[in-house]
């Protein structure tokens, strides 16, 4: 697994050229994202009126390792709610990172 796991907000910051986008770009080689967070990214890109082809091109260009999110991970992420007080996507990024001892990047 990748050393760094991104959540949707980090990817969207990069795609939207937000002020901290350079920090996300700097860690892109070899980063991962859960399928839960990819769903959030795609949903936002649809909100931005991108076509499916544009969405696919943007995601392919990032070269993120996408990791499926299973039932055990869903339970782990849900149990983190009382500890992290973050939204589901952020907790869904944390679980793959914890399994691989990777770092978790979010909230840029």
C-alpha atoms as a PDB file:
ATOM      1  CA  UNK A   1       0.000   0.000   0.000  1.00  0.00           C
ATOM      2  CA  UNK A   2       1.005   3.597  -0.503  1.00  0.00           C
ATOM      3  CA  UNK A   3       2.835   5.584   2.157  1.00  0.00           C
ATOM      4  CA  UNK A   4       0.227   8.358   2.029  1.00  0.00           C
ATOM      5  CA  UNK A   5      -3.554   8.037   1.802  1.00  0.00           C
ATOM      6  CA  UNK A   6      -5.487  11.089   0.606  1.00  0.00           C
ATOM      7  CA  UNK A   7      -9.074  11.963   1.334  1.00  0.00           C
ATOM      8  CA  UNK A   8     -11.478  13.678  -1.038  1.00  0.00           C
ATOM      9  CA  UNK A   9     -10.791  17.194   0.249  1.00  0.00           C
ATOM     10  CA  UNK A  10      -7.087  16.906  -0.550  1.00  0.00           C
ATOM     11  CA  UNK A  11      -7.763  15.669  -4.091  1.00  0.00           C
ATOM     12  CA  UNK A  12     -10.406  18.344  -4.669  1.00  0.00           C
ATOM     13  CA  UNK A  13      -8.023  21.044  -3.413  1.00  0.00           C
ATOM     14  CA  UNK A  14      -5.559  19.946  -6.064  1.00  0.00           C
ATOM     15  CA  UNK A  15      -8.124  19.689  -8.854  1.00  0.00           C
ATOM     16  CA  UNK A  16      -9.589  23.078  -7.941  1.00  0.00           C
ATOM     17  CA  UNK A  17      -6.139  24.733  -7.715  1.00  0.00           C
ATOM     18  CA  UNK A  18      -6.778  25.855  -4.145  1.00  0.00           C
ATOM     19  CA  UNK A  19      -3.986  27.598  -2.202  1.00  0.00           C
ATOM     20  CA  UNK A  20      -2.509  24.392  -0.740  1.00  0.00           C
ATOM     21  CA  UNK A  21      -2.719  22.403  -3.984  1.00  0.00           C
ATOM     22  CA  UNK A  22       1.082  22.343  -4.261  1.00  0.00           C
ATOM     23  CA  UNK A  23       1.317  20.395  -1.009  1.00  0.00           C
ATOM     24  CA  UNK A  24      -0.974  17.713  -2.407  1.00  0.00           C
ATOM     25  CA  UNK A  25       0.855  17.637  -5.742  1.00  0.00           C
ATOM     26  CA  UNK A  26       4.154  17.134  -3.922  1.00  0.00           C
ATOM     27  CA  UNK A  27       2.978  13.855  -2.387  1.00  0.00           C
ATOM     28  CA  UNK A  28       1.113  12.453  -5.401  1.00  0.00           C
ATOM     29  CA  UNK A  29       3.600   9.881  -6.600  1.00  0.00           C
ATOM     30  CA  UNK A  30       2.610   6.678  -4.847  1.00  0.00           C
ATOM     31  CA  UNK A  31      -0.406   7.981  -2.930  1.00  0.00           C
ATOM     32  CA  UNK A  32      -3.644   6.089  -2.396  1.00  0.00           C
ATOM     33  CA  UNK A  33      -7.312   6.853  -1.901  1.00  0.00           C
ATOM     34  CA  UNK A  34     -10.238   4.744  -0.758  1.00  0.00           C
ATOM     35  CA  UNK A  35     -13.158   4.083  -3.063  1.00  0.00           C
ATOM     36  CA  UNK A  36     -15.385   5.953  -0.599  1.00  0.00           C
ATOM     37  CA  UNK A  37     -13.299   9.081  -1.153  1.00  0.00           C
ATOM     38  CA  UNK A  38     -13.193   8.559  -4.916  1.00  0.00           C
ATOM     39  CA  UNK A  39     -17.002   8.581  -4.800  1.00  0.00           C
ATOM     40  CA  UNK A  40     -16.897  11.960  -3.055  1.00  0.00           C
ATOM     41  CA  UNK A  41     -14.435  13.339  -5.620  1.00  0.00           C
ATOM     42  CA  UNK A  42     -16.485  12.116  -8.580  1.00  0.00           C
ATOM     43  CA  UNK A  43     -19.678  13.516  -7.046  1.00  0.00           C
ATOM     44  CA  UNK A  44     -18.076  16.944  -6.680  1.00  0.00           C
ATOM     45  CA  UNK A  45     -16.702  16.839 -10.227  1.00  0.00           C
ATOM     46  CA  UNK A  46     -20.207  16.058 -11.476  1.00  0.00           C
ATOM     47  CA  UNK A  47     -21.414  19.087  -9.476  1.00  0.00           C
ATOM     48  CA  UNK A  48     -18.778  21.096 -11.343  1.00  0.00           C
ATOM     49  CA  UNK A  49     -20.421  19.923 -14.605  1.00  0.00           C
ATOM     50  CA  UNK A  50     -17.498  17.826 -15.824  1.00  0.00           C
ATOM     51  CA  UNK A  51     -18.324  15.074 -18.290  1.00  0.00           C
ATOM     52  CA  UNK A  52     -17.534  11.457 -17.447  1.00  0.00           C
ATOM     53  CA  UNK A  53     -14.644  11.596 -19.928  1.00  0.00           C
ATOM     54  CA  UNK A  54     -13.221  14.689 -18.200  1.00  0.00           C
ATOM     55  CA  UNK A  55     -13.618  13.052 -14.795  1.00  0.00           C
ATOM     56  CA  UNK A  56     -11.861   9.891 -15.966  1.00  0.00           C
ATOM     57  CA  UNK A  57      -9.049  11.948 -17.493  1.00  0.00           C
ATOM     58  CA  UNK A  58      -8.567  13.998 -14.306  1.00  0.00           C
ATOM     59  CA  UNK A  59      -8.477  10.922 -12.076  1.00  0.00           C
ATOM     60  CA  UNK A  60      -6.203   8.981 -14.423  1.00  0.00           C
ATOM     61  CA  UNK A  61      -3.770  11.919 -14.514  1.00  0.00           C
ATOM     62  CA  UNK A  62      -3.427  11.805 -10.720  1.00  0.00           C
ATOM     63  CA  UNK A  63      -2.310   8.186 -10.769  1.00  0.00           C
ATOM     64  CA  UNK A  64      -3.829   7.412  -7.375  1.00  0.00           C
ATOM     65  CA  UNK A  65      -3.901   3.848  -6.105  1.00  0.00           C
ATOM     66  CA  UNK A  66      -7.576   3.168  -5.445  1.00  0.00           C
ATOM     67  CA  UNK A  67      -8.346   0.766  -2.615  1.00  0.00           C
ATOM     68  CA  UNK A  68     -11.702  -0.910  -2.115  1.00  0.00           C
ATOM     69  CA  UNK A  69     -13.474  -0.296   1.147  1.00  0.00           C
ATOM     70  CA  UNK A  70     -14.857  -3.428   2.775  1.00  0.00           C
ATOM     71  CA  UNK A  71     -17.347  -4.046   5.582  1.00  0.00           C
ATOM     72  CA  UNK A  72     -14.635  -4.343   8.250  1.00  0.00           C
ATOM     73  CA  UNK A  73     -13.180  -1.013   7.188  1.00  0.00           C
ATOM     74  CA  UNK A  74     -16.653   0.553   7.261  1.00  0.00           C
ATOM     75  CA  UNK A  75     -17.090  -0.556  10.865  1.00  0.00           C
ATOM     76  CA  UNK A  76     -13.620   0.749  11.783  1.00  0.00           C
ATOM     77  CA  UNK A  77     -14.317   4.106  10.148  1.00  0.00           C
ATOM     78  CA  UNK A  78     -17.684   4.420  11.873  1.00  0.00           C
ATOM     79  CA  UNK A  79     -16.124   3.637  15.254  1.00  0.00           C
ATOM     80  CA  UNK A  80     -13.678   6.532  14.796  1.00  0.00           C
ATOM     81  CA  UNK A  81     -16.551   9.042  14.830  1.00  0.00           C
ATOM     82  CA  UNK A  82     -16.401   9.517  18.602  1.00  0.00           C
ATOM     83  CA  UNK A  83     -12.644  10.034  18.459  1.00  0.00           C
ATOM     84  CA  UNK A  84     -12.171  12.176  15.362  1.00  0.00           C
ATOM     85  CA  UNK A  85     -15.502  13.999  14.974  1.00  0.00           C
ATOM     86  CA  UNK A  86     -14.764  14.111  11.232  1.00  0.00           C
ATOM     87  CA  UNK A  87     -17.029  13.299   8.327  1.00  0.00           C
ATOM     88  CA  UNK A  88     -17.267   9.856   6.792  1.00  0.00           C
ATOM     89  CA  UNK A  89     -14.829  10.553   3.954  1.00  0.00           C
ATOM     90  CA  UNK A  90     -12.053  11.628   6.285  1.00  0.00           C
ATOM     91  CA  UNK A  91     -12.566   8.606   8.511  1.00  0.00           C
ATOM     92  CA  UNK A  92     -12.651   6.417   5.403  1.00  0.00           C
ATOM     93  CA  UNK A  93      -9.208   7.697   4.470  1.00  0.00           C
ATOM     94  CA  UNK A  94      -7.870   7.005   7.950  1.00  0.00           C
ATOM     95  CA  UNK A  95      -8.712   3.298   7.968  1.00  0.00           C
ATOM     96  CA  UNK A  96      -6.599   2.288   4.931  1.00  0.00           C
ATOM     97  CA  UNK A  97      -3.763   4.409   6.308  1.00  0.00           C
ATOM     98  CA  UNK A  98      -3.942   2.671   9.660  1.00  0.00           C
ATOM     99  CA  UNK A  99      -3.781  -0.735   8.019  1.00  0.00           C
ATOM    100  CA  UNK A 100      -0.610   0.180   6.171  1.00  0.00           C
ATOM    101  CA  UNK A 101       0.978   2.446   8.791  1.00  0.00           C
ATOM    102  CA  UNK A 102       0.804   5.145   6.140  1.00  0.00           C
ATOM    103  CA  UNK A 103       0.250   8.846   6.599  1.00  0.00           C
ATOM    104  CA  UNK A 104      -3.142  10.398   6.048  1.00  0.00           C
ATOM    105  CA  UNK A 105      -3.465  13.730   4.212  1.00  0.00           C
ATOM    106  CA  UNK A 106      -6.720  15.654   4.333  1.00  0.00           C
ATOM    107  CA  UNK A 107      -8.334  19.003   4.817  1.00  0.00           C
ATOM    108  CA  UNK A 108      -6.049  21.071   2.671  1.00  0.00           C
END
